Every structure is written in C-alpha cells, then in structure tokens.
N, C-alpha and C. Protein backbone atom coordinates (compact mmCIF):
# COMPACT_ATOMS: atom_id res chain seq x y z
N MET A 1 27.37 -0.25 -18.66
CA MET A 1 26.66 -0.33 -17.62
C MET A 1 26.81 -1.62 -16.82
N PRO A 2 27.27 -1.89 -15.67
CA PRO A 2 27.38 -3.21 -15.07
C PRO A 2 26.07 -3.85 -15.03
N SER A 3 25.94 -5.30 -14.83
CA SER A 3 24.80 -5.77 -14.70
C SER A 3 24.24 -5.32 -13.28
N PRO A 4 22.74 -5.32 -12.80
CA PRO A 4 22.06 -4.71 -11.76
C PRO A 4 22.24 -6.04 -10.74
N ASP A 5 22.73 -5.60 -9.57
CA ASP A 5 22.73 -6.57 -8.52
C ASP A 5 21.38 -6.74 -8.10
N TRP A 6 20.84 -8.20 -8.28
CA TRP A 6 19.38 -8.45 -7.95
C TRP A 6 19.21 -8.69 -6.42
N GLU A 7 20.57 -8.66 -5.43
CA GLU A 7 20.11 -8.48 -4.21
C GLU A 7 19.80 -7.07 -3.95
N ASP A 8 20.11 -6.25 -4.59
CA ASP A 8 19.68 -4.87 -4.24
C ASP A 8 19.06 -4.23 -5.41
N LEU A 9 17.82 -4.24 -5.57
CA LEU A 9 17.14 -3.78 -6.50
C LEU A 9 17.12 -2.35 -6.80
N GLY A 10 17.56 -1.52 -5.77
CA GLY A 10 17.50 0.01 -6.06
C GLY A 10 18.83 0.27 -7.07
N ALA A 11 19.60 -0.76 -7.41
CA ALA A 11 20.67 -0.57 -8.29
C ALA A 11 20.00 -0.45 -9.88
N PHE A 12 18.84 -1.10 -9.64
CA PHE A 12 18.06 -0.96 -11.02
C PHE A 12 17.23 0.12 -11.09
N LEU A 13 16.99 0.61 -9.97
CA LEU A 13 16.13 1.98 -10.07
C LEU A 13 16.69 3.05 -9.90
N GLN A 14 17.88 3.25 -10.47
CA GLN A 14 18.50 4.83 -10.17
C GLN A 14 17.81 5.56 -11.28
N THR A 15 17.67 6.68 -10.96
CA THR A 15 16.83 7.81 -12.01
C THR A 15 17.87 8.37 -12.85
N ASP A 16 18.97 8.17 -12.70
CA ASP A 16 19.84 8.36 -13.71
C ASP A 16 20.00 7.53 -14.73
N ASP A 17 19.43 6.39 -14.88
CA ASP A 17 19.12 5.29 -15.85
C ASP A 17 17.66 5.38 -16.54
N PHE A 18 17.12 4.41 -15.97
CA PHE A 18 15.47 4.33 -16.63
C PHE A 18 14.49 4.77 -15.62
N ALA A 19 14.85 4.87 -14.42
CA ALA A 19 13.95 5.08 -13.25
C ALA A 19 13.54 6.65 -13.23
N VAL A 20 12.24 6.98 -12.90
CA VAL A 20 11.91 8.35 -12.41
C VAL A 20 11.37 8.33 -11.01
N GLU A 21 11.20 9.52 -10.64
CA GLU A 21 10.74 9.73 -9.26
C GLU A 21 9.30 10.00 -9.27
N ALA A 22 8.54 9.31 -8.52
CA ALA A 22 6.99 9.40 -8.29
C ALA A 22 6.74 10.01 -6.84
N THR A 23 5.81 10.73 -6.65
CA THR A 23 5.40 11.29 -5.32
C THR A 23 3.87 10.71 -5.28
N ILE A 24 3.84 9.88 -4.12
CA ILE A 24 2.50 9.17 -3.70
C ILE A 24 1.88 9.98 -2.54
N VAL A 25 0.75 10.21 -2.77
CA VAL A 25 -0.03 10.93 -1.63
C VAL A 25 -1.27 10.12 -1.24
N SER A 26 -1.45 9.51 0.08
CA SER A 26 -2.20 8.65 0.44
C SER A 26 -3.47 9.55 0.56
N ALA A 27 -4.80 8.88 0.83
CA ALA A 27 -5.84 9.48 0.97
C ALA A 27 -5.94 10.36 2.41
N GLU A 28 -4.87 9.99 3.33
CA GLU A 28 -4.77 10.46 4.60
C GLU A 28 -3.90 11.92 4.65
N GLY A 29 -3.30 12.04 3.31
CA GLY A 29 -2.30 13.14 2.71
C GLY A 29 -0.94 12.97 3.24
N ALA A 30 -0.62 11.66 3.55
CA ALA A 30 0.83 11.50 3.93
C ALA A 30 1.55 11.26 2.47
N SER A 31 2.83 11.79 2.29
CA SER A 31 3.28 11.78 0.91
C SER A 31 4.79 11.47 1.07
N ARG A 32 5.20 10.56 -0.20
CA ARG A 32 6.24 9.99 -0.07
C ARG A 32 7.02 10.01 -1.56
N SER A 33 8.20 9.85 -1.57
CA SER A 33 8.98 9.86 -3.07
C SER A 33 9.26 8.30 -3.21
N VAL A 34 9.28 7.83 -4.36
CA VAL A 34 9.43 6.46 -4.56
C VAL A 34 10.07 6.47 -6.01
N SER A 35 11.39 5.77 -6.22
CA SER A 35 11.86 5.70 -7.45
C SER A 35 11.24 4.37 -8.12
N GLY A 36 11.15 4.53 -9.36
CA GLY A 36 10.62 3.11 -10.18
C GLY A 36 10.52 3.52 -11.73
N ILE A 37 9.70 2.58 -12.57
CA ILE A 37 9.63 2.75 -13.95
C ILE A 37 8.26 2.97 -14.27
N PHE A 38 8.07 3.98 -15.03
CA PHE A 38 6.89 4.33 -15.72
C PHE A 38 6.63 3.86 -17.01
N ASP A 39 5.57 3.20 -17.01
CA ASP A 39 5.19 2.73 -18.64
C ASP A 39 3.71 3.13 -18.87
N GLU A 40 3.51 3.52 -20.33
CA GLU A 40 2.37 3.80 -20.56
C GLU A 40 1.97 3.26 -22.08
N PRO A 41 1.84 1.71 -21.82
CA PRO A 41 1.69 1.09 -23.21
C PRO A 41 0.16 1.37 -23.68
N PHE A 42 0.01 1.07 -25.11
CA PHE A 42 -1.33 1.40 -25.47
C PHE A 42 -2.17 0.14 -25.61
N LEU A 43 -3.43 0.27 -25.07
CA LEU A 43 -4.24 -0.92 -25.01
C LEU A 43 -5.47 -0.71 -25.95
N ASP A 44 -5.49 -2.04 -26.94
CA ASP A 44 -6.74 -2.10 -27.88
C ASP A 44 -7.49 -3.46 -27.43
N ALA A 45 -8.48 -3.32 -26.90
CA ALA A 45 -9.04 -4.37 -26.57
C ALA A 45 -10.61 -4.64 -26.92
N GLN A 46 -11.20 -5.57 -27.44
CA GLN A 46 -12.52 -5.99 -27.64
C GLN A 46 -13.29 -7.01 -27.12
N LEU A 47 -14.42 -6.87 -26.58
CA LEU A 47 -15.40 -7.93 -26.24
C LEU A 47 -16.70 -7.66 -26.69
N GLY A 48 -16.83 -8.52 -27.61
CA GLY A 48 -18.32 -8.72 -28.44
C GLY A 48 -18.43 -7.39 -28.91
N GLU A 49 -19.46 -6.26 -28.70
CA GLU A 49 -19.52 -5.11 -29.56
C GLU A 49 -18.92 -4.12 -28.64
N TYR A 50 -18.29 -4.21 -27.73
CA TYR A 50 -17.71 -3.36 -26.97
C TYR A 50 -16.43 -3.15 -27.22
N SER A 51 -15.65 -2.05 -27.32
CA SER A 51 -14.08 -1.96 -27.71
C SER A 51 -13.40 -0.98 -26.76
N PHE A 52 -12.28 -0.97 -26.65
CA PHE A 52 -11.53 0.16 -25.65
C PHE A 52 -10.15 0.09 -26.44
N ASP A 53 -9.92 1.48 -26.49
CA ASP A 53 -8.58 1.57 -26.96
C ASP A 53 -8.11 2.98 -26.41
N GLY A 54 -6.65 2.82 -25.83
CA GLY A 54 -6.32 3.90 -24.94
C GLY A 54 -5.07 3.40 -24.34
N ALA A 55 -4.43 4.45 -23.26
CA ALA A 55 -3.33 4.39 -22.58
C ALA A 55 -3.79 3.41 -21.20
N GLN A 56 -2.72 2.55 -20.78
CA GLN A 56 -3.09 1.87 -19.89
C GLN A 56 -1.69 2.07 -18.69
N PRO A 57 -1.58 3.16 -18.21
CA PRO A 57 -0.36 3.64 -17.65
C PRO A 57 -0.07 2.62 -16.13
N ARG A 58 1.09 2.52 -15.94
CA ARG A 58 1.32 1.53 -14.65
C ARG A 58 2.81 2.07 -14.19
N PHE A 59 3.08 1.72 -12.94
CA PHE A 59 4.31 2.37 -12.53
C PHE A 59 4.86 1.05 -11.70
N THR A 60 6.21 0.43 -11.78
CA THR A 60 6.81 -0.55 -11.31
C THR A 60 7.97 -0.01 -10.44
N ALA A 61 7.94 -0.49 -9.34
CA ALA A 61 8.99 -0.22 -8.25
C ALA A 61 8.87 -1.36 -7.40
N ARG A 62 9.80 -1.32 -6.26
CA ARG A 62 10.04 -2.35 -5.38
C ARG A 62 8.88 -2.49 -4.38
N ALA A 63 8.34 -3.48 -4.14
CA ALA A 63 7.15 -3.99 -3.70
C ALA A 63 7.29 -3.40 -2.11
N ALA A 64 8.31 -3.25 -1.59
CA ALA A 64 8.36 -2.65 -0.01
C ALA A 64 8.04 -1.15 -0.29
N ASP A 65 8.40 -0.55 -1.53
CA ASP A 65 8.18 0.90 -1.51
C ASP A 65 6.64 1.25 -1.97
N LEU A 66 6.05 0.19 -2.43
CA LEU A 66 4.54 0.43 -2.72
C LEU A 66 3.64 -0.10 -1.72
N ALA A 67 4.28 -0.54 -0.51
CA ALA A 67 3.42 -1.12 0.39
C ALA A 67 2.64 -0.14 0.81
N GLY A 68 1.38 -0.47 1.01
CA GLY A 68 0.39 0.42 1.50
C GLY A 68 -0.24 1.26 0.69
N VAL A 69 0.15 1.22 -0.69
CA VAL A 69 -0.70 2.41 -1.61
C VAL A 69 -1.90 1.54 -1.94
N GLN A 70 -3.05 2.49 -2.00
CA GLN A 70 -4.34 1.83 -1.94
C GLN A 70 -4.99 2.54 -3.14
N ARG A 71 -6.23 2.03 -3.66
CA ARG A 71 -7.10 2.60 -4.76
C ARG A 71 -7.22 4.14 -4.37
N ARG A 72 -7.01 4.77 -5.55
CA ARG A 72 -7.39 6.31 -5.57
C ARG A 72 -6.17 7.03 -4.62
N ASP A 73 -4.99 6.67 -4.41
CA ASP A 73 -4.09 7.31 -3.90
C ASP A 73 -3.69 8.01 -4.98
N GLU A 74 -3.09 9.25 -4.78
CA GLU A 74 -2.46 10.21 -5.96
C GLU A 74 -1.25 9.67 -5.96
N VAL A 75 -0.59 9.66 -7.53
CA VAL A 75 0.66 9.38 -7.95
C VAL A 75 0.89 10.50 -8.97
N THR A 76 1.97 11.21 -8.68
CA THR A 76 2.48 12.33 -9.53
C THR A 76 3.77 11.86 -9.97
N ILE A 77 3.79 11.84 -11.54
CA ILE A 77 4.86 11.49 -12.36
C ILE A 77 5.26 12.58 -13.28
N GLY A 78 6.45 13.28 -13.24
CA GLY A 78 6.68 14.41 -14.27
C GLY A 78 5.64 15.43 -14.39
N GLY A 79 5.03 15.68 -13.24
CA GLY A 79 3.88 16.94 -13.10
C GLY A 79 2.64 16.47 -13.61
N VAL A 80 2.20 15.20 -13.90
CA VAL A 80 0.94 14.60 -14.35
C VAL A 80 0.53 13.69 -12.94
N VAL A 81 -0.76 14.04 -12.58
CA VAL A 81 -1.38 13.30 -11.71
C VAL A 81 -2.27 12.29 -12.09
N TYR A 82 -1.70 10.96 -11.44
CA TYR A 82 -2.52 9.86 -11.78
C TYR A 82 -3.05 9.13 -10.46
N LEU A 83 -4.14 8.44 -10.54
CA LEU A 83 -4.74 7.79 -9.37
C LEU A 83 -4.40 6.31 -9.48
N ALA A 84 -4.09 5.67 -8.17
CA ALA A 84 -3.81 4.35 -8.26
C ALA A 84 -5.44 3.47 -8.42
N LEU A 85 -5.33 2.60 -9.57
CA LEU A 85 -6.44 1.89 -9.98
C LEU A 85 -6.75 0.56 -8.77
N GLY A 86 -5.77 0.26 -7.93
CA GLY A 86 -6.12 -0.66 -6.94
C GLY A 86 -4.63 -0.62 -6.26
N ASP A 87 -4.44 -2.00 -5.57
CA ASP A 87 -3.37 -2.50 -4.62
C ASP A 87 -2.23 -2.54 -5.64
N PRO A 88 -0.97 -2.42 -5.42
CA PRO A 88 0.01 -3.06 -6.23
C PRO A 88 0.19 -4.43 -6.27
N GLN A 89 0.39 -4.81 -7.47
CA GLN A 89 0.46 -6.22 -7.84
C GLN A 89 1.73 -6.66 -7.67
N ASN A 90 2.19 -7.55 -6.70
CA ASN A 90 3.57 -8.31 -6.57
C ASN A 90 3.75 -9.21 -7.45
N ASP A 91 5.00 -9.05 -8.20
CA ASP A 91 5.41 -10.22 -8.88
C ASP A 91 6.46 -11.20 -8.67
N GLY A 92 6.55 -11.34 -7.33
CA GLY A 92 7.26 -12.62 -6.82
C GLY A 92 8.67 -12.38 -6.81
N THR A 93 9.42 -11.25 -7.54
CA THR A 93 10.80 -10.83 -7.23
C THR A 93 11.18 -9.90 -6.53
N GLY A 94 10.18 -9.28 -5.91
CA GLY A 94 10.60 -8.16 -5.07
C GLY A 94 9.95 -6.72 -5.45
N MET A 95 9.59 -6.78 -6.71
CA MET A 95 8.89 -5.95 -7.35
C MET A 95 7.33 -5.67 -7.64
N ALA A 96 6.85 -4.89 -7.61
CA ALA A 96 5.45 -4.68 -7.74
C ALA A 96 5.08 -3.64 -8.96
N VAL A 97 3.71 -4.08 -9.73
CA VAL A 97 3.23 -2.97 -10.53
C VAL A 97 1.98 -2.14 -10.06
N LEU A 98 1.92 -1.08 -10.06
CA LEU A 98 0.73 -0.30 -9.73
C LEU A 98 0.10 0.25 -10.94
N PRO A 99 -0.92 -0.30 -11.20
CA PRO A 99 -2.07 0.28 -12.41
C PRO A 99 -2.48 1.78 -12.05
N LEU A 100 -2.52 2.41 -13.07
CA LEU A 100 -2.62 4.01 -12.81
C LEU A 100 -3.87 4.38 -13.95
N VAL A 101 -4.47 5.41 -13.30
CA VAL A 101 -5.31 6.14 -14.59
C VAL A 101 -5.13 7.68 -14.22
N LYS A 102 -5.02 8.29 -15.38
CA LYS A 102 -4.82 9.86 -15.48
C LYS A 102 -5.93 10.52 -14.74
N GLN A 103 -5.76 11.19 -13.90
CA GLN A 103 -6.62 12.19 -13.02
C GLN A 103 -7.19 13.15 -14.07
N GLU A 104 -8.39 13.37 -14.43
CA GLU A 104 -9.09 14.29 -15.18
C GLU A 104 -9.22 15.73 -14.61
N ALA A 105 -9.22 16.79 -14.98
CA ALA A 105 -9.09 18.08 -14.70
C ALA A 105 -10.35 18.20 -14.00
N GLY A 106 -10.27 18.73 -12.57
CA GLY A 106 -11.67 18.93 -11.91
C GLY A 106 -12.05 17.60 -11.27
N GLY A 107 -11.31 16.47 -11.03
CA GLY A 107 -11.97 15.32 -10.47
C GLY A 107 -11.16 13.99 -10.87
N ALA A 108 -11.86 13.15 -10.15
CA ALA A 108 -11.12 11.77 -10.45
C ALA A 108 -11.56 11.17 -12.06
N ALA A 109 -10.98 10.30 -12.53
CA ALA A 109 -11.02 9.71 -13.71
C ALA A 109 -11.75 8.42 -13.62
N PHE A 110 -12.13 8.11 -12.30
CA PHE A 110 -13.21 6.99 -11.88
C PHE A 110 -13.81 7.07 -10.71
C-alpha cells in the first residue's frame, strides 16, 4: 500500500483499509455518514480511593467531517450506538478525536 497523501486525508480514511463508516445523528435529527478510525482502548485509572476501569471509545476523523458534532449527538458504528461526550478535539493536523460513551439500553449513558 502506498504512503498516504497528507494533502488528502481521505486517502488515509478508506473503509477498505482501517477506517469504518459512522452515522452521526444530531439532536435536531440531521443524519450524516463519516469515515474514520474507531478505537476502544481500555482505561485503568485511580485517584485516591476512587478507581475506574473500562473502555474509553473514540472516533478519529477529518476535523471538517466532525465539525458541528455536539455533546449527546448519536454516533452509530457497527450497529452499536454511542453518544458524543463532548465536542471533537482538533489535533492540529486536520484530524479530530471525538470521545464517545456507549448508549445504555433504554436511555443515555450519562
């Protein structure tokens, strides 16, 4: 596979390679499809007597494709519904990371 052309980030986000298709539905009901990288690393953190261990899902895509995504917008990836935890975090390269939380059956996860 040739090196990605960084002038065209879309070359890096082809669904026949590493990327997946996500459907984003805003609070107003507008729906769009976005190609990006889904990652669900395990997080194990402790602060004093409090500890957390679990998944920290996130979706990385072109910043322009994630523009306008807001907290609690629905993001469906592989048939699983997630909610955006906040606004996309631009990384300065034209890409952005959208932190997610899995939606619980019957309601929001947060």
